[in-house]
Amino acid sequence: MTLWNGSFPFYPGANTCFPFDTAWAAIVSVFLSLLATFIIILPGIRGRGRLFWFLRVVTGLFVGAVVLTIQFTRDWETGWVTANTSYKSFSRALVNVDIGLHIGLAGVNVTLVGNPVNQVNETIDYNEHFAWSFDADYDHSYGEGLGKGLPSPILYVAEKFTTQSPCSMHRQYRISGHYASLTLWMAFCTWLISILLFSMPILLYGGYMLLLTAALMLFSLLFFFTARNTPKCPIQFGPASLKTDYGGSFWLTLATGLLCLLLGLAVIILNSRHPEKLKLVFNLDERKGEEEVWDKSYVPAEPGSSTQDVLMVPLGELCEVTATQL
């Protein structure tokens, strides 16, 4: 039983855990702290460059936060179904529940919520996570769920993703999730490089890094797309069928990738056609020269003359002469 989606269930006598995903909370806290710091610095920037600087900061932090956060989210693919089904094994009691399946890059979450929550003298509110990352054993997690006596709908859905299941969905999603996660880590590195290049500033190569970031994010979607469109075993609860569709993390990754693509193309095009406008956006206006420039320069005609009687001759009128000894 949980208080928040994304957390592990609470069992009587077990050690309770924090009621939300701490990794997601830590990432968001770091980026919000950076944003607050930049907002404090904002009044110190003069002129119209203040707005462009703030937009660059917000956009950069948004892209970095998205690329890092979606590594740990569990809603790349989601689905819900309402059904009347058995609650426990070897029991004829039926309950009306909402069953949810949430697939991420590192595992699946199976949610079970009763309608109403209190039925058969129990509070039906479960959210179980079964991981398949490199350092996790999905079958072991499933075996622990069996030992805990989890409700039958959760075990039924989780069984579809075991290595022994004839559906073969475990291998498809696990490999796709690993490659998608790898490309997203590479996208995070290229995003960091683009931030450094824009700060140096090397604008053209920063634009190239943004394009590479966009390409890697879109490739991660392609890897996940291959698993999403492979044949699946039906997940049936009587006449009701649990079907999944792309979740919020998938669409957020797509939107952020397209944003990086547009920004990268804009930087490259402006650098080739209107470099002065690009420098204006990045507060890199060229200096027009010294503050004080003489319209005409003069030099004394006779070095030995006094400072009071000095004959000044324009430089433009000087020419080479030959002196004759008298």
Protein backbone atom coordinates (compact mmCIF):
# COMPACT_ATOMS: atom_id res chain seq x y z
CA MET A 1 0.00 0.00 0.00
CA THR A 2 1.42 3.33 -0.96
CA LEU A 3 0.86 7.02 -0.50
CA TRP A 4 2.43 8.06 -3.80
CA ASN A 5 2.97 6.62 -7.27
CA GLY A 6 6.51 5.47 -7.93
CA SER A 7 7.23 4.26 -4.38
CA PHE A 8 7.44 0.79 -3.00
CA PRO A 9 4.54 -0.71 -1.03
CA PHE A 10 4.22 -0.61 2.74
CA TYR A 11 3.79 -3.95 4.48
CA PRO A 12 2.93 -4.43 8.18
CA GLY A 13 6.14 -4.78 10.15
CA ALA A 14 8.36 -3.89 7.20
CA ASN A 15 10.70 -0.96 6.99
CA THR A 16 8.83 1.90 5.37
CA CYS A 17 10.44 3.95 2.63
CA PHE A 18 10.00 7.52 1.54
CA PRO A 19 6.66 7.93 -0.28
CA PHE A 20 8.08 9.18 -3.62
CA ASP A 21 10.91 8.57 -6.04
CA THR A 22 13.96 10.07 -4.33
CA ALA A 23 16.12 10.05 -7.49
CA TRP A 24 13.57 12.17 -9.37
CA ALA A 25 13.20 14.48 -6.38
CA ALA A 26 16.98 14.95 -6.07
CA ILE A 27 17.39 15.85 -9.75
CA VAL A 28 14.54 18.34 -9.70
CA SER A 29 15.86 19.90 -6.49
CA VAL A 30 19.33 20.42 -7.98
CA PHE A 31 18.05 22.08 -11.14
CA LEU A 32 15.57 24.24 -9.23
CA SER A 33 18.41 25.37 -6.97
CA LEU A 34 20.47 26.32 -10.01
CA LEU A 35 17.53 28.22 -11.45
CA ALA A 36 17.01 30.11 -8.19
CA THR A 37 20.71 31.02 -8.15
CA PHE A 38 20.56 32.41 -11.67
CA ILE A 39 17.42 34.38 -10.85
CA ILE A 40 19.31 36.02 -7.97
CA ILE A 41 22.13 36.93 -10.39
CA LEU A 42 19.70 38.28 -12.99
CA PRO A 43 19.44 41.89 -11.64
CA GLY A 44 23.20 42.28 -12.06
CA ILE A 45 22.98 41.93 -15.84
CA ARG A 46 22.50 45.25 -17.60
CA GLY A 47 20.69 46.23 -20.73
CA ARG A 48 18.48 44.27 -23.06
CA GLY A 49 20.80 41.27 -22.85
CA ARG A 50 19.16 40.40 -19.53
CA LEU A 51 16.12 38.82 -21.22
CA PHE A 52 18.20 36.79 -23.68
CA TRP A 53 20.46 35.60 -20.88
CA PHE A 54 17.50 34.49 -18.76
CA LEU A 55 15.92 32.63 -21.69
CA ARG A 56 19.19 30.82 -22.39
CA VAL A 57 19.50 29.78 -18.74
CA VAL A 58 15.92 28.52 -18.48
CA THR A 59 16.13 26.61 -21.78
CA GLY A 60 19.47 25.03 -20.91
CA LEU A 61 18.36 23.93 -17.46
CA PHE A 62 15.08 22.57 -18.84
CA VAL A 63 16.83 20.42 -21.44
CA GLY A 64 19.36 19.11 -18.92
CA ALA A 65 16.69 18.33 -16.32
CA VAL A 66 14.54 16.46 -18.86
CA VAL A 67 17.42 14.39 -20.27
CA LEU A 68 18.51 13.36 -16.78
CA THR A 69 15.08 12.84 -15.22
CA ILE A 70 13.58 10.61 -17.91
CA GLN A 71 16.27 8.05 -17.14
CA PHE A 72 14.45 7.28 -13.90
CA THR A 73 10.80 7.81 -14.81
CA ARG A 74 8.47 4.85 -15.16
CA ASP A 75 5.83 6.14 -17.55
CA TRP A 76 7.35 5.65 -21.00
CA GLU A 77 4.41 3.36 -21.71
CA THR A 78 1.26 3.25 -19.61
CA GLY A 79 -2.12 1.59 -19.59
CA TRP A 80 -5.15 1.21 -17.31
CA VAL A 81 -8.12 -1.11 -17.17
CA THR A 82 -11.08 -1.47 -14.80
CA ALA A 83 -12.12 -5.04 -14.12
CA ASN A 84 -13.87 -7.39 -11.72
CA THR A 85 -11.26 -9.98 -10.82
CA SER A 86 -10.14 -12.27 -8.03
CA TYR A 87 -8.05 -10.63 -5.36
CA LYS A 88 -6.09 -13.51 -3.84
CA SER A 89 -5.14 -16.98 -4.98
CA PHE A 90 -7.41 -19.82 -3.85
CA SER A 91 -10.17 -17.33 -3.06
CA ARG A 92 -13.47 -16.82 -4.84
CA ALA A 93 -13.86 -13.23 -3.65
CA LEU A 94 -14.12 -10.76 -6.52
CA VAL A 95 -13.12 -7.11 -6.29
CA ASN A 96 -13.62 -4.14 -8.61
CA VAL A 97 -10.21 -2.58 -9.21
CA ASP A 98 -8.24 -0.30 -11.53
CA ILE A 99 -5.16 -2.10 -12.80
CA GLY A 100 -2.32 0.00 -14.21
CA LEU A 101 0.85 -0.98 -16.06
CA HIS A 102 3.72 1.54 -16.26
CA ILE A 103 6.80 0.60 -18.27
CA GLY A 104 10.09 2.47 -17.88
CA LEU A 105 13.61 2.02 -19.14
CA ALA A 106 14.68 0.06 -16.05
CA GLY A 107 11.58 -1.95 -15.21
CA VAL A 108 7.81 -2.01 -14.83
CA ASN A 109 5.36 -0.77 -12.23
CA VAL A 110 2.07 -2.56 -11.66
CA THR A 111 -0.61 -0.53 -9.86
CA LEU A 112 -3.73 -1.92 -8.22
CA VAL A 113 -6.34 0.45 -6.76
CA GLY A 114 -9.74 -0.70 -5.52
CA ASN A 115 -13.10 0.86 -6.37
CA PRO A 116 -13.64 1.69 -3.53
CA VAL A 117 -10.25 1.35 -1.92
CA ASN A 118 -11.57 -0.59 1.09
CA GLN A 119 -12.87 -4.00 -0.01
CA VAL A 120 -12.87 -7.53 1.46
CA ASN A 121 -11.74 -6.02 4.78
CA GLU A 122 -8.51 -4.71 3.20
CA THR A 123 -7.17 -1.49 1.73
CA ILE A 124 -6.46 -2.21 -1.92
CA ASP A 125 -3.79 0.29 -2.96
CA TYR A 126 -0.63 -1.27 -4.37
CA ASN A 127 2.18 -0.07 -6.58
CA GLU A 128 4.88 -2.70 -7.17
CA HIS A 129 8.12 -2.16 -9.08
CA PHE A 130 9.95 -4.98 -10.87
CA ALA A 131 13.37 -3.94 -12.16
CA TRP A 132 15.37 -5.35 -15.08
CA SER A 133 18.37 -3.02 -15.07
CA PHE A 134 21.94 -4.36 -15.24
CA ASP A 135 22.25 -4.68 -11.47
CA ALA A 136 18.74 -6.13 -10.94
CA ASP A 137 17.20 -9.55 -11.47
CA TYR A 138 13.59 -9.35 -12.65
CA ASP A 139 12.83 -13.00 -11.92
CA HIS A 140 14.19 -12.58 -8.39
CA SER A 141 11.91 -9.56 -7.83
CA TYR A 142 8.98 -11.55 -9.15
CA GLY A 143 9.86 -14.43 -6.82
CA GLU A 144 9.92 -12.05 -3.86
CA GLY A 145 6.46 -10.85 -4.87
CA LEU A 146 5.22 -14.42 -4.81
CA GLY A 147 6.71 -14.89 -1.37
CA LYS A 148 5.03 -11.76 -0.06
CA GLY A 149 1.66 -12.95 -1.28
CA LEU A 150 0.91 -10.03 -3.58
CA PRO A 151 -2.59 -9.81 -5.08
CA SER A 152 -3.25 -12.03 -8.06
CA PRO A 153 -3.75 -9.21 -10.64
CA ILE A 154 -0.27 -7.80 -9.90
CA LEU A 155 1.40 -11.20 -10.18
CA TYR A 156 -0.51 -11.99 -13.37
CA VAL A 157 0.69 -8.81 -15.09
CA ALA A 158 4.24 -9.11 -13.78
CA GLU A 159 4.45 -12.72 -14.97
CA LYS A 160 4.08 -11.55 -18.59
CA PHE A 161 7.52 -9.90 -18.35
CA THR A 162 9.48 -12.76 -16.76
CA THR A 163 12.23 -14.52 -18.70
CA GLN A 164 10.28 -17.79 -18.60
CA SER A 165 7.15 -16.28 -20.10
CA PRO A 166 6.34 -17.39 -23.69
CA CYS A 167 5.53 -13.75 -24.51
CA SER A 168 9.27 -12.88 -24.74
CA MET A 169 8.47 -9.30 -23.71
CA HIS A 170 11.22 -9.27 -21.08
CA ARG A 171 14.03 -9.54 -23.63
CA GLN A 172 12.46 -7.01 -25.99
CA TYR A 173 11.86 -4.32 -23.40
CA ARG A 174 15.07 -4.94 -21.46
CA ILE A 175 17.39 -4.60 -24.47
CA SER A 176 15.48 -1.62 -25.85
CA GLY A 177 15.52 0.07 -22.45
CA HIS A 178 19.27 -0.43 -22.08
CA TYR A 179 20.06 1.08 -25.49
CA ALA A 180 17.63 3.95 -24.95
CA SER A 181 19.21 4.69 -21.57
CA LEU A 182 22.70 4.62 -23.09
CA THR A 183 21.80 7.11 -25.82
CA LEU A 184 20.18 9.39 -23.25
CA TRP A 185 23.36 9.41 -21.15
CA MET A 186 25.27 10.35 -24.30
CA ALA A 187 22.72 13.10 -24.94
CA PHE A 188 23.32 14.42 -21.44
CA CYS A 189 27.08 14.57 -22.14
CA THR A 190 26.59 16.41 -25.44
CA TRP A 191 24.25 18.84 -23.67
CA LEU A 192 26.99 19.62 -21.16
CA ILE A 193 29.48 20.17 -23.99
CA SER A 194 27.05 22.52 -25.76
CA ILE A 195 26.67 24.56 -22.56
CA LEU A 196 30.47 24.86 -22.31
CA LEU A 197 30.83 25.86 -25.96
CA PHE A 198 28.15 28.53 -25.67
CA SER A 199 29.88 29.89 -22.58
CA MET A 200 33.36 30.11 -24.15
CA PRO A 201 31.79 31.28 -26.60
CA ILE A 202 32.09 29.03 -29.66
CA LEU A 203 28.56 29.42 -31.00
CA LEU A 204 28.76 27.37 -34.20
CA TYR A 205 30.07 24.24 -32.51
CA GLY A 206 27.62 24.75 -29.69
CA GLY A 207 24.87 24.56 -32.31
CA TYR A 208 26.36 21.34 -33.66
CA MET A 209 26.33 19.84 -30.15
CA LEU A 210 22.67 20.79 -29.77
CA LEU A 211 21.91 18.98 -33.02
CA LEU A 212 23.77 15.93 -31.76
CA THR A 213 21.82 16.09 -28.48
CA ALA A 214 18.56 16.16 -30.44
CA ALA A 215 19.65 13.24 -32.62
CA LEU A 216 20.54 11.10 -29.60
CA MET A 217 17.22 11.83 -27.89
CA LEU A 218 15.30 10.91 -31.02
CA PHE A 219 17.35 7.72 -31.38
CA SER A 220 16.38 6.74 -27.82
CA LEU A 221 12.74 7.03 -28.86
CA LEU A 222 13.47 4.84 -31.87
CA PHE A 223 14.96 2.13 -29.65
CA PHE A 224 11.92 2.17 -27.38
CA PHE A 225 9.62 2.25 -30.41
CA THR A 226 11.00 -1.10 -31.58
CA ALA A 227 9.94 -2.79 -28.33
CA ARG A 228 6.59 -1.01 -28.24
CA ASN A 229 5.57 -2.29 -31.68
CA THR A 230 6.54 -5.93 -31.26
CA PRO A 231 3.76 -8.52 -30.83
CA LYS A 232 2.61 -8.83 -27.22
CA CYS A 233 0.66 -11.36 -25.27
CA PRO A 234 -2.83 -10.13 -24.37
CA ILE A 235 -3.36 -9.16 -20.73
CA GLN A 236 -6.96 -10.18 -20.07
CA PHE A 237 -9.10 -9.75 -16.99
CA GLY A 238 -12.28 -11.48 -18.06
CA PRO A 239 -13.80 -9.45 -20.91
CA ALA A 240 -11.55 -6.45 -20.13
CA SER A 241 -8.13 -6.12 -21.75
CA LEU A 242 -5.19 -4.08 -20.47
CA LYS A 243 -3.75 -2.08 -23.36
CA THR A 244 -0.86 0.35 -23.15
CA ASP A 245 0.12 3.47 -25.06
CA TYR A 246 2.99 5.94 -25.03
CA GLY A 247 3.28 7.76 -21.72
CA GLY A 248 4.32 11.20 -20.58
CA SER A 249 8.08 10.50 -20.61
CA PHE A 250 7.96 9.42 -24.24
CA TRP A 251 6.19 12.59 -25.38
CA LEU A 252 8.36 14.79 -23.17
CA THR A 253 11.49 13.28 -24.72
CA LEU A 254 10.10 13.84 -28.20
CA ALA A 255 9.22 17.48 -27.48
CA THR A 256 12.62 18.19 -25.91
CA GLY A 257 14.45 16.52 -28.79
CA LEU A 258 12.55 18.63 -31.34
CA LEU A 259 13.30 21.75 -29.27
CA CYS A 260 17.03 20.99 -29.33
CA LEU A 261 16.80 20.35 -33.07
CA LEU A 262 15.15 23.72 -33.73
CA LEU A 263 17.57 25.60 -31.47
CA GLY A 264 20.60 23.96 -33.05
CA LEU A 265 19.40 24.74 -36.57
CA ALA A 266 18.61 28.32 -35.55
CA VAL A 267 22.14 28.83 -34.18
CA ILE A 268 23.76 27.41 -37.32
CA ILE A 269 21.57 29.42 -39.72
CA LEU A 270 22.01 32.68 -37.83
CA ASN A 271 25.75 32.13 -37.62
CA SER A 272 25.98 31.83 -41.41
CA ARG A 273 23.49 34.52 -42.46
CA HIS A 274 23.06 36.96 -39.59
CA PRO A 275 26.04 36.59 -37.23
CA GLU A 276 25.41 40.03 -35.72
CA LYS A 277 21.94 38.95 -34.55
CA LEU A 278 23.34 35.75 -33.07
CA LYS A 279 25.96 37.76 -31.16
CA LEU A 280 23.20 40.02 -29.93
CA VAL A 281 21.31 37.02 -28.52
CA PHE A 282 24.46 35.81 -26.74
CA ASN A 283 25.46 39.34 -25.59
CA LEU A 284 28.56 39.36 -27.78
CA ASP A 285 28.27 42.76 -29.52
CA GLU A 286 31.60 43.73 -31.04
CA ARG A 287 33.31 46.79 -29.69
CA LYS A 288 33.17 49.68 -32.04
CA GLY A 289 36.61 50.89 -31.03
CA GLU A 290 38.07 53.22 -28.52
CA GLU A 291 35.81 55.64 -26.75
CA GLU A 292 37.73 58.65 -28.00
CA VAL A 293 39.10 58.85 -31.55
CA TRP A 294 40.88 61.87 -32.97
CA ASP A 295 39.53 63.07 -36.26
CA LYS A 296 42.95 64.48 -37.15
CA SER A 297 46.37 63.85 -35.73
CA TYR A 298 49.04 66.48 -35.47
CA VAL A 299 52.77 66.43 -34.81
CA PRO A 300 55.11 69.34 -34.06
CA ALA A 301 57.00 70.67 -37.12
CA GLU A 302 60.14 71.64 -35.15
CA PRO A 303 61.11 69.39 -32.25
CA GLY A 304 63.24 72.13 -30.72
CA SER A 305 60.50 74.74 -30.51
CA SER A 306 58.97 75.72 -27.25
CA THR A 307 55.67 74.38 -26.02
CA GLN A 308 54.11 77.82 -26.40
CA ASP A 309 55.04 78.33 -30.04
CA VAL A 310 54.49 75.01 -31.72
CA LEU A 311 53.63 74.76 -35.37
CA MET A 312 51.23 71.89 -35.85
CA VAL A 313 51.11 70.21 -39.28
CA PRO A 314 48.45 67.67 -40.24
CA LEU A 315 49.81 64.18 -40.72
CA GLY A 316 48.12 63.91 -44.09
CA GLU A 317 50.20 66.83 -45.39
CA LEU A 318 53.56 65.42 -44.38
CA CYS A 319 55.82 64.27 -47.20
CA GLU A 320 59.40 63.25 -47.63
CA VAL A 321 61.77 66.30 -48.01
CA THR A 322 65.47 66.75 -48.45
CA ALA A 323 67.31 69.14 -46.15
CA THR A 324 70.22 71.22 -47.60
CA GLN A 325 73.05 72.28 -45.31
CA LEU A 326 73.49 76.08 -45.50
